[in-house]
Amino acid sequence: MRNTLIIGMIAAIALLSSCAVNLQGVTANYTPMNNYYVNNYMKSGTHKLVIHNMQDFESVFGAAAVMGRNGQPTSIDFRHQFVIAVILPETRRQTQIETVMVNRVGDRLYYSYIIREGHMTSYTTRPFTAVVVDRNEPSDVVFQRVTDRDLEQAGIRHTGTGSSGTAPRPRL
């Protein structure tokens, strides 16, 4: 009985400590990935990806050039870069995923993102966000969804200008 109690306490401590958000470290070299879309044949569900080559990238994303200034898709050279992406399931709710920060802690990158949901729409969309990271950064990535409260507790002011693969930030 006592062993069961001790094991339960250890499991609870491990669970609680794994929920902690790490917003420390050195800012990694990355660029927001713009003007792409998630391919229609991408499996449903949430995906947290680290992509190291063009073949894998093209199996997930397609280029979506638009007219005007900065209308070309972000250039990616997989010899010197890799991609970190978070893709959510299709939704009819206006949804924005924002990159809050990409920090290097030891031999890991911590990719922190926040999800903001707005009103219902008459259409479906596949929200995503992605960044292009220099290959000299570690490719062992820890994905962590953060909240405004997490940022506030860490003393971080997030302006809401992170990258996202969807339309401009929804008014909530």
N, C-alpha and C. Protein backbone atom coordinates (compact mmCIF):
# COMPACT_ATOMS: atom_id res chain seq x y z
N MET A 1 0.82 -1.19 0.00
CA MET A 1 0.00 0.00 0.00
C MET A 1 0.87 1.25 0.00
N ARG A 2 1.90 1.24 0.84
CA ARG A 2 2.78 2.40 0.93
C ARG A 2 3.53 2.62 -0.38
N ASN A 3 3.98 1.52 -1.02
CA ASN A 3 4.67 1.63 -2.31
C ASN A 3 3.75 2.24 -3.36
N THR A 4 2.50 1.86 -3.35
CA THR A 4 1.54 2.41 -4.31
C THR A 4 1.37 3.91 -4.09
N LEU A 5 1.32 4.34 -2.85
CA LEU A 5 1.20 5.76 -2.53
C LEU A 5 2.42 6.53 -3.01
N ILE A 6 3.60 5.99 -2.77
CA ILE A 6 4.84 6.64 -3.19
C ILE A 6 4.90 6.73 -4.72
N ILE A 7 4.56 5.66 -5.40
CA ILE A 7 4.56 5.67 -6.87
C ILE A 7 3.55 6.68 -7.38
N GLY A 8 2.39 6.76 -6.75
CA GLY A 8 1.38 7.74 -7.15
C GLY A 8 1.86 9.16 -6.98
N MET A 9 2.56 9.43 -5.88
CA MET A 9 3.08 10.77 -5.64
C MET A 9 4.16 11.13 -6.67
N ILE A 10 5.02 10.20 -6.99
CA ILE A 10 6.06 10.43 -7.98
C ILE A 10 5.43 10.70 -9.35
N ALA A 11 4.42 9.94 -9.70
CA ALA A 11 3.73 10.14 -10.98
C ALA A 11 3.07 11.51 -11.02
N ALA A 12 2.45 11.92 -9.92
CA ALA A 12 1.79 13.24 -9.87
C ALA A 12 2.81 14.36 -10.01
N ILE A 13 3.94 14.24 -9.35
CA ILE A 13 4.99 15.26 -9.46
C ILE A 13 5.52 15.33 -10.88
N ALA A 14 5.74 14.17 -11.50
CA ALA A 14 6.23 14.15 -12.88
C ALA A 14 5.22 14.78 -13.82
N LEU A 15 3.94 14.50 -13.62
CA LEU A 15 2.90 15.06 -14.47
C LEU A 15 2.84 16.58 -14.32
N LEU A 16 2.88 17.06 -13.10
CA LEU A 16 2.81 18.50 -12.87
C LEU A 16 4.04 19.21 -13.39
N SER A 17 5.21 18.61 -13.24
CA SER A 17 6.41 19.28 -13.73
C SER A 17 6.47 19.27 -15.25
N SER A 18 5.85 18.27 -15.90
CA SER A 18 5.86 18.24 -17.35
C SER A 18 4.93 19.28 -17.94
N CYS A 19 4.00 19.81 -17.14
CA CYS A 19 3.08 20.84 -17.60
C CYS A 19 3.70 22.22 -17.54
N ALA A 20 4.83 22.35 -16.87
CA ALA A 20 5.46 23.66 -16.74
C ALA A 20 5.94 24.13 -18.10
N VAL A 21 5.83 25.41 -18.35
CA VAL A 21 6.23 26.02 -19.60
C VAL A 21 7.63 26.60 -19.43
N ASN A 22 8.52 26.29 -20.37
CA ASN A 22 9.88 26.82 -20.33
C ASN A 22 9.97 27.99 -21.30
N LEU A 23 10.07 29.19 -20.76
CA LEU A 23 10.19 30.40 -21.58
C LEU A 23 11.55 31.05 -21.39
N GLN A 24 12.54 30.25 -21.03
CA GLN A 24 13.90 30.73 -20.80
C GLN A 24 14.75 30.39 -22.02
N GLY A 25 16.03 30.71 -21.94
CA GLY A 25 16.96 30.33 -22.98
C GLY A 25 17.33 31.48 -23.89
N VAL A 26 18.04 31.15 -24.96
CA VAL A 26 18.53 32.11 -25.93
C VAL A 26 17.64 32.04 -27.16
N THR A 27 17.25 33.18 -27.68
CA THR A 27 16.41 33.21 -28.88
C THR A 27 17.15 32.57 -30.04
N ALA A 28 16.51 31.62 -30.70
CA ALA A 28 17.10 30.92 -31.83
C ALA A 28 16.92 31.75 -33.10
N ASN A 29 17.73 31.43 -34.11
CA ASN A 29 17.63 32.09 -35.41
C ASN A 29 16.50 31.45 -36.22
N TYR A 30 15.42 32.21 -36.42
CA TYR A 30 14.31 31.69 -37.20
C TYR A 30 13.61 32.82 -37.95
N THR A 31 12.83 32.42 -38.96
CA THR A 31 12.06 33.36 -39.78
C THR A 31 10.64 32.81 -39.90
N PRO A 32 9.62 33.64 -39.75
CA PRO A 32 8.25 33.16 -39.97
C PRO A 32 8.09 32.67 -41.41
N MET A 33 7.35 31.60 -41.59
CA MET A 33 7.09 31.05 -42.92
C MET A 33 5.75 31.60 -43.40
N ASN A 34 5.77 32.32 -44.51
CA ASN A 34 4.57 32.97 -45.03
C ASN A 34 4.21 32.49 -46.43
N ASN A 35 2.94 32.60 -46.76
CA ASN A 35 2.39 32.34 -48.08
C ASN A 35 2.50 30.87 -48.49
N TYR A 36 2.08 30.01 -47.59
CA TYR A 36 1.92 28.58 -47.85
C TYR A 36 0.55 28.16 -47.35
N TYR A 37 0.10 26.98 -47.78
CA TYR A 37 -1.13 26.40 -47.28
C TYR A 37 -0.88 24.92 -46.97
N VAL A 38 -1.75 24.33 -46.16
CA VAL A 38 -1.65 22.90 -45.85
C VAL A 38 -2.37 22.15 -46.95
N ASN A 39 -1.70 21.15 -47.52
CA ASN A 39 -2.29 20.35 -48.58
C ASN A 39 -3.58 19.67 -48.11
N ASN A 40 -4.55 19.55 -49.02
CA ASN A 40 -5.84 18.95 -48.70
C ASN A 40 -5.74 17.49 -48.29
N TYR A 41 -4.73 16.78 -48.77
CA TYR A 41 -4.62 15.37 -48.47
C TYR A 41 -3.84 15.10 -47.18
N MET A 42 -3.50 16.14 -46.46
CA MET A 42 -2.85 15.98 -45.14
C MET A 42 -3.85 15.34 -44.20
N LYS A 43 -3.40 14.34 -43.44
CA LYS A 43 -4.28 13.65 -42.51
C LYS A 43 -4.91 14.63 -41.53
N SER A 44 -6.14 14.34 -41.16
CA SER A 44 -6.84 15.16 -40.18
C SER A 44 -6.16 15.06 -38.82
N GLY A 45 -6.41 16.03 -37.98
CA GLY A 45 -5.84 16.00 -36.64
C GLY A 45 -4.82 17.09 -36.44
N THR A 46 -4.25 17.12 -35.26
CA THR A 46 -3.21 18.08 -34.92
C THR A 46 -1.85 17.47 -35.23
N HIS A 47 -0.99 18.26 -35.85
CA HIS A 47 0.35 17.80 -36.20
C HIS A 47 1.38 18.79 -35.68
N LYS A 48 2.42 18.28 -35.07
CA LYS A 48 3.57 19.08 -34.63
C LYS A 48 4.77 18.50 -35.35
N LEU A 49 5.31 19.25 -36.29
CA LEU A 49 6.29 18.70 -37.23
C LEU A 49 7.62 19.43 -37.19
N VAL A 50 8.67 18.66 -37.42
CA VAL A 50 10.01 19.18 -37.69
C VAL A 50 10.38 18.58 -39.04
N ILE A 51 10.54 19.42 -40.06
CA ILE A 51 10.74 18.96 -41.44
C ILE A 51 12.15 19.32 -41.89
N HIS A 52 12.89 18.31 -42.38
CA HIS A 52 14.30 18.50 -42.73
C HIS A 52 14.60 18.43 -44.22
N ASN A 53 13.59 18.12 -45.06
CA ASN A 53 13.89 18.02 -46.49
C ASN A 53 12.68 18.45 -47.33
N MET A 54 12.94 18.76 -48.58
CA MET A 54 11.92 19.29 -49.49
C MET A 54 10.82 18.27 -49.76
N GLN A 55 11.17 17.01 -49.89
CA GLN A 55 10.16 15.99 -50.17
C GLN A 55 9.11 15.94 -49.05
N ASP A 56 9.56 15.89 -47.81
CA ASP A 56 8.62 15.88 -46.69
C ASP A 56 7.83 17.19 -46.62
N PHE A 57 8.51 18.30 -46.89
CA PHE A 57 7.85 19.60 -46.86
C PHE A 57 6.71 19.66 -47.88
N GLU A 58 6.99 19.23 -49.12
CA GLU A 58 5.99 19.28 -50.18
C GLU A 58 4.84 18.31 -49.95
N SER A 59 5.05 17.30 -49.10
CA SER A 59 3.94 16.40 -48.78
C SER A 59 2.97 17.04 -47.79
N VAL A 60 3.37 18.14 -47.18
CA VAL A 60 2.53 18.83 -46.20
C VAL A 60 2.03 20.18 -46.72
N PHE A 61 2.92 20.96 -47.33
CA PHE A 61 2.61 22.34 -47.71
C PHE A 61 2.66 22.57 -49.21
N GLY A 62 1.87 23.55 -49.65
CA GLY A 62 1.91 24.05 -51.02
C GLY A 62 2.16 25.54 -50.99
N ALA A 63 2.77 26.07 -52.04
CA ALA A 63 3.04 27.51 -52.12
C ALA A 63 1.78 28.27 -52.48
N ALA A 64 1.60 29.44 -51.88
CA ALA A 64 0.42 30.26 -52.11
C ALA A 64 0.83 31.71 -52.35
N ALA A 65 1.47 31.94 -53.49
CA ALA A 65 1.90 33.30 -53.82
C ALA A 65 0.67 34.20 -53.99
N VAL A 66 0.82 35.43 -53.56
CA VAL A 66 -0.25 36.42 -53.71
C VAL A 66 0.31 37.67 -54.36
N MET A 67 -0.57 38.49 -54.87
CA MET A 67 -0.14 39.73 -55.52
C MET A 67 0.35 40.73 -54.47
N GLY A 68 1.20 41.62 -54.92
CA GLY A 68 1.62 42.71 -54.05
C GLY A 68 2.94 42.45 -53.37
N ARG A 69 3.28 43.41 -52.54
CA ARG A 69 4.55 43.38 -51.81
C ARG A 69 4.56 42.19 -50.85
N ASN A 70 5.68 41.52 -50.76
CA ASN A 70 5.85 40.35 -49.88
C ASN A 70 4.88 39.23 -50.21
N GLY A 71 4.53 39.09 -51.48
CA GLY A 71 3.56 38.09 -51.89
C GLY A 71 4.14 36.72 -52.20
N GLN A 72 5.46 36.63 -52.28
CA GLN A 72 6.10 35.36 -52.59
C GLN A 72 6.23 34.49 -51.34
N PRO A 73 6.12 33.17 -51.50
CA PRO A 73 6.33 32.29 -50.35
C PRO A 73 7.75 32.44 -49.79
N THR A 74 7.89 32.26 -48.51
CA THR A 74 9.19 32.32 -47.86
C THR A 74 10.12 31.30 -48.50
N SER A 75 11.31 31.73 -48.84
CA SER A 75 12.30 30.85 -49.45
C SER A 75 12.91 29.95 -48.37
N ILE A 76 13.03 28.64 -48.69
CA ILE A 76 13.60 27.68 -47.74
C ILE A 76 14.70 26.89 -48.43
N ASP A 77 15.89 26.88 -47.84
CA ASP A 77 17.02 26.11 -48.35
C ASP A 77 17.30 25.00 -47.34
N PHE A 78 16.84 23.80 -47.64
CA PHE A 78 16.94 22.70 -46.67
C PHE A 78 18.37 22.23 -46.43
N ARG A 79 19.33 22.71 -47.20
CA ARG A 79 20.73 22.41 -46.89
C ARG A 79 21.18 23.18 -45.66
N HIS A 80 20.55 24.36 -45.43
CA HIS A 80 20.96 25.24 -44.34
C HIS A 80 19.85 25.54 -43.34
N GLN A 81 18.64 25.02 -43.60
CA GLN A 81 17.50 25.34 -42.76
C GLN A 81 16.59 24.12 -42.59
N PHE A 82 15.70 24.21 -41.60
CA PHE A 82 14.62 23.24 -41.45
C PHE A 82 13.38 23.98 -40.99
N VAL A 83 12.24 23.29 -40.99
CA VAL A 83 10.96 23.93 -40.69
C VAL A 83 10.34 23.29 -39.46
N ILE A 84 9.78 24.14 -38.59
CA ILE A 84 8.99 23.70 -37.45
C ILE A 84 7.57 24.18 -37.71
N ALA A 85 6.59 23.28 -37.58
CA ALA A 85 5.20 23.65 -37.88
C ALA A 85 4.23 23.03 -36.89
N VAL A 86 3.14 23.75 -36.64
CA VAL A 86 2.00 23.26 -35.88
C VAL A 86 0.79 23.42 -36.77
N ILE A 87 0.07 22.31 -36.99
CA ILE A 87 -1.12 22.30 -37.84
C ILE A 87 -2.28 21.78 -37.02
N LEU A 88 -3.38 22.50 -37.04
CA LEU A 88 -4.58 22.11 -36.29
C LEU A 88 -5.60 21.45 -37.22
N PRO A 89 -6.59 20.77 -36.67
CA PRO A 89 -7.65 20.19 -37.51
C PRO A 89 -8.47 21.29 -38.18
N GLU A 90 -9.19 20.93 -39.24
CA GLU A 90 -10.08 21.88 -39.88
C GLU A 90 -11.08 22.40 -38.86
N THR A 91 -11.45 23.66 -39.03
CA THR A 91 -12.40 24.28 -38.12
C THR A 91 -13.24 25.31 -38.85
N ARG A 92 -14.40 25.58 -38.31
CA ARG A 92 -15.25 26.66 -38.83
C ARG A 92 -15.13 27.89 -37.94
N ARG A 93 -14.28 27.81 -36.94
CA ARG A 93 -14.05 28.95 -36.05
C ARG A 93 -12.79 29.69 -36.51
N GLN A 94 -12.88 31.00 -36.54
CA GLN A 94 -11.71 31.80 -36.90
C GLN A 94 -10.61 31.51 -35.87
N THR A 95 -9.48 30.99 -36.33
CA THR A 95 -8.42 30.54 -35.43
C THR A 95 -7.07 31.05 -35.91
N GLN A 96 -6.30 31.55 -34.98
CA GLN A 96 -4.96 32.07 -35.25
C GLN A 96 -3.97 31.34 -34.35
N ILE A 97 -2.92 30.80 -34.93
CA ILE A 97 -1.82 30.23 -34.15
C ILE A 97 -0.65 31.18 -34.31
N GLU A 98 -0.13 31.67 -33.21
CA GLU A 98 0.97 32.63 -33.27
C GLU A 98 2.22 32.04 -32.64
N THR A 99 3.33 32.20 -33.33
CA THR A 99 4.61 31.84 -32.75
C THR A 99 4.95 32.89 -31.72
N VAL A 100 5.14 32.48 -30.48
CA VAL A 100 5.50 33.41 -29.41
C VAL A 100 7.02 33.54 -29.36
N MET A 101 7.71 32.41 -29.35
CA MET A 101 9.17 32.44 -29.33
C MET A 101 9.73 31.07 -29.68
N VAL A 102 10.97 31.09 -30.14
CA VAL A 102 11.74 29.87 -30.38
C VAL A 102 13.04 30.07 -29.62
N ASN A 103 13.20 29.30 -28.55
CA ASN A 103 14.37 29.48 -27.68
C ASN A 103 15.21 28.22 -27.62
N ARG A 104 16.51 28.43 -27.54
CA ARG A 104 17.46 27.32 -27.40
C ARG A 104 17.83 27.20 -25.93
N VAL A 105 17.64 25.99 -25.41
CA VAL A 105 18.04 25.67 -24.04
C VAL A 105 18.86 24.40 -24.14
N GLY A 106 20.16 24.52 -23.97
CA GLY A 106 21.04 23.36 -24.11
C GLY A 106 21.00 22.85 -25.54
N ASP A 107 20.70 21.56 -25.70
CA ASP A 107 20.67 20.97 -27.04
C ASP A 107 19.23 20.76 -27.53
N ARG A 108 18.31 21.62 -27.07
CA ARG A 108 16.91 21.57 -27.49
C ARG A 108 16.41 22.95 -27.88
N LEU A 109 15.42 22.94 -28.77
CA LEU A 109 14.67 24.15 -29.08
C LEU A 109 13.30 24.03 -28.43
N TYR A 110 12.84 25.11 -27.86
CA TYR A 110 11.49 25.18 -27.30
C TYR A 110 10.69 26.10 -28.22
N TYR A 111 9.72 25.50 -28.91
CA TYR A 111 8.86 26.24 -29.82
C TYR A 111 7.57 26.56 -29.08
N SER A 112 7.40 27.83 -28.73
CA SER A 112 6.24 28.26 -27.95
C SER A 112 5.24 28.96 -28.86
N TYR A 113 3.99 28.55 -28.77
CA TYR A 113 2.94 29.13 -29.60
C TYR A 113 1.68 29.32 -28.77
N ILE A 114 0.83 30.23 -29.25
CA ILE A 114 -0.43 30.51 -28.58
C ILE A 114 -1.54 30.39 -29.62
N ILE A 115 -2.68 29.86 -29.21
CA ILE A 115 -3.82 29.70 -30.11
C ILE A 115 -4.92 30.66 -29.66
N ARG A 116 -5.41 31.43 -30.62
CA ARG A 116 -6.49 32.37 -30.34
C ARG A 116 -7.68 32.01 -31.25
N GLU A 117 -8.84 31.90 -30.65
CA GLU A 117 -10.03 31.57 -31.43
C GLU A 117 -10.99 32.74 -31.44
N GLY A 118 -11.62 32.93 -32.58
CA GLY A 118 -12.59 34.01 -32.75
C GLY A 118 -13.97 33.45 -33.01
N HIS A 119 -14.72 34.16 -33.82
CA HIS A 119 -16.11 33.81 -34.07
C HIS A 119 -16.23 32.67 -35.09
N MET A 120 -17.43 32.12 -35.19
CA MET A 120 -17.73 31.08 -36.17
C MET A 120 -17.78 31.71 -37.56
N THR A 121 -17.42 30.92 -38.57
CA THR A 121 -17.45 31.38 -39.95
C THR A 121 -18.35 30.46 -40.77
N SER A 122 -18.58 30.81 -42.01
CA SER A 122 -19.40 29.99 -42.90
C SER A 122 -18.53 29.03 -43.72
N TYR A 123 -17.24 29.01 -43.45
CA TYR A 123 -16.31 28.18 -44.21
C TYR A 123 -15.39 27.43 -43.23
N THR A 124 -14.67 26.43 -43.75
CA THR A 124 -13.69 25.73 -42.93
C THR A 124 -12.29 26.17 -43.36
N THR A 125 -11.39 26.10 -42.42
CA THR A 125 -9.99 26.43 -42.68
C THR A 125 -9.11 25.46 -41.89
N ARG A 126 -7.86 25.35 -42.29
CA ARG A 126 -6.90 24.50 -41.60
C ARG A 126 -5.82 25.40 -41.01
N PRO A 127 -5.99 25.85 -39.76
CA PRO A 127 -5.02 26.77 -39.17
C PRO A 127 -3.65 26.12 -38.99
N PHE A 128 -2.61 26.90 -39.23
CA PHE A 128 -1.25 26.42 -38.98
C PHE A 128 -0.33 27.60 -38.78
N THR A 129 0.80 27.31 -38.22
CA THR A 129 1.89 28.27 -38.15
C THR A 129 3.18 27.49 -38.38
N ALA A 130 4.17 28.17 -38.94
CA ALA A 130 5.45 27.52 -39.20
C ALA A 130 6.56 28.55 -39.24
N VAL A 131 7.74 28.10 -38.87
CA VAL A 131 8.93 28.95 -38.92
C VAL A 131 10.05 28.18 -39.61
N VAL A 132 10.95 28.94 -40.23
CA VAL A 132 12.14 28.39 -40.87
C VAL A 132 13.30 28.66 -39.93
N VAL A 133 14.03 27.60 -39.57
CA VAL A 133 15.09 27.70 -38.56
C VAL A 133 16.43 27.35 -39.18
N ASP A 134 17.47 28.08 -38.78
CA ASP A 134 18.83 27.78 -39.25
C ASP A 134 19.26 26.40 -38.78
N ARG A 135 19.95 25.67 -39.66
CA ARG A 135 20.41 24.30 -39.32
C ARG A 135 21.41 24.27 -38.17
N ASN A 136 22.04 25.39 -37.86
CA ASN A 136 23.00 25.37 -36.75
C ASN A 136 22.28 25.32 -35.40
N GLU A 137 20.96 25.46 -35.40
CA GLU A 137 20.17 25.31 -34.18
C GLU A 137 19.85 23.83 -33.97
N PRO A 138 19.63 23.41 -32.73
CA PRO A 138 19.27 22.01 -32.48
C PRO A 138 17.95 21.66 -33.16
N SER A 139 17.81 20.41 -33.62
CA SER A 139 16.55 20.00 -34.24
C SER A 139 15.71 19.13 -33.31
N ASP A 140 16.13 18.98 -32.07
CA ASP A 140 15.32 18.33 -31.05
C ASP A 140 14.38 19.40 -30.51
N VAL A 141 13.10 19.35 -30.90
CA VAL A 141 12.16 20.43 -30.63
C VAL A 141 11.12 20.00 -29.60
N VAL A 142 10.91 20.85 -28.61
CA VAL A 142 9.85 20.67 -27.63
C VAL A 142 8.77 21.68 -27.98
N PHE A 143 7.58 21.20 -28.32
CA PHE A 143 6.47 22.07 -28.64
C PHE A 143 5.73 22.40 -27.36
N GLN A 144 5.47 23.68 -27.14
CA GLN A 144 4.72 24.04 -25.94
C GLN A 144 3.69 25.11 -26.26
N ARG A 145 2.44 24.73 -26.05
CA ARG A 145 1.35 25.69 -26.20
C ARG A 145 1.33 26.54 -24.93
N VAL A 146 1.33 27.84 -25.10
CA VAL A 146 1.32 28.74 -23.96
C VAL A 146 0.02 29.54 -23.95
N THR A 147 -0.25 30.14 -22.82
CA THR A 147 -1.43 30.99 -22.67
C THR A 147 -0.97 32.39 -22.33
N ASP A 148 -1.89 33.33 -22.39
CA ASP A 148 -1.56 34.70 -21.98
C ASP A 148 -1.11 34.71 -20.53
N ARG A 149 -1.71 33.85 -19.72
CA ARG A 149 -1.33 33.79 -18.30
C ARG A 149 0.12 33.32 -18.14
N ASP A 150 0.53 32.30 -18.92
CA ASP A 150 1.92 31.84 -18.88
C ASP A 150 2.88 32.99 -19.20
N LEU A 151 2.54 33.75 -20.24
CA LEU A 151 3.40 34.86 -20.65
C LEU A 151 3.44 35.93 -19.58
N GLU A 152 2.29 36.22 -19.01
CA GLU A 152 2.22 37.22 -17.95
C GLU A 152 3.06 36.82 -16.76
N GLN A 153 2.96 35.55 -16.37
CA GLN A 153 3.73 35.06 -15.22
C GLN A 153 5.23 35.09 -15.49
N ALA A 154 5.62 34.94 -16.76
CA ALA A 154 7.04 34.97 -17.13
C ALA A 154 7.51 36.40 -17.39
N GLY A 155 6.60 37.37 -17.32
CA GLY A 155 6.97 38.75 -17.56
C GLY A 155 7.21 39.07 -19.02
N ILE A 156 6.55 38.34 -19.91
CA ILE A 156 6.74 38.52 -21.35
C ILE A 156 5.51 39.21 -21.93
N ARG A 157 5.74 40.28 -22.68
CA ARG A 157 4.65 40.97 -23.37
C ARG A 157 4.65 40.49 -24.81
N HIS A 158 3.61 39.78 -25.19
CA HIS A 158 3.49 39.29 -26.56
C HIS A 158 2.56 40.22 -27.32
N THR A 159 3.03 40.74 -28.45
CA THR A 159 2.26 41.72 -29.20
C THR A 159 1.27 41.10 -30.17
N GLY A 160 1.36 39.78 -30.35
CA GLY A 160 0.43 39.15 -31.28
C GLY A 160 0.85 39.26 -32.73
N THR A 161 2.14 39.44 -32.97
CA THR A 161 2.63 39.60 -34.34
C THR A 161 3.37 38.36 -34.82
N GLY A 162 3.16 37.22 -34.17
CA GLY A 162 3.84 35.99 -34.58
C GLY A 162 3.34 35.51 -35.91
N SER A 163 4.01 34.51 -36.49
CA SER A 163 3.65 34.01 -37.80
C SER A 163 2.43 33.11 -37.72
N SER A 164 1.72 33.04 -38.80
CA SER A 164 0.58 32.15 -38.91
C SER A 164 0.31 31.89 -40.37
N GLY A 165 -0.17 30.71 -40.66
CA GLY A 165 -0.47 30.37 -42.05
C GLY A 165 -1.85 30.79 -42.46
N THR A 166 -2.64 31.33 -41.56
CA THR A 166 -4.02 31.71 -41.90
C THR A 166 -4.13 33.20 -42.09
N ALA A 167 -5.33 33.66 -42.21
CA ALA A 167 -5.63 35.08 -42.44
C ALA A 167 -5.14 35.93 -41.28
N PRO A 168 -5.23 37.25 -41.41
CA PRO A 168 -4.80 38.13 -40.33
C PRO A 168 -5.46 37.79 -39.00
N ARG A 169 -4.84 38.23 -37.94
CA ARG A 169 -5.29 37.92 -36.57
C ARG A 169 -6.77 38.27 -36.40
N PRO A 170 -7.55 37.32 -35.87
CA PRO A 170 -8.97 37.59 -35.68
C PRO A 170 -9.20 38.58 -34.56
N ARG A 171 -10.28 39.32 -34.68
CA ARG A 171 -10.69 40.20 -33.60
C ARG A 171 -11.51 39.36 -32.64
N LEU A 172 -11.05 39.27 -31.43
CA LEU A 172 -11.70 38.41 -30.44
C LEU A 172 -12.53 39.21 -29.47
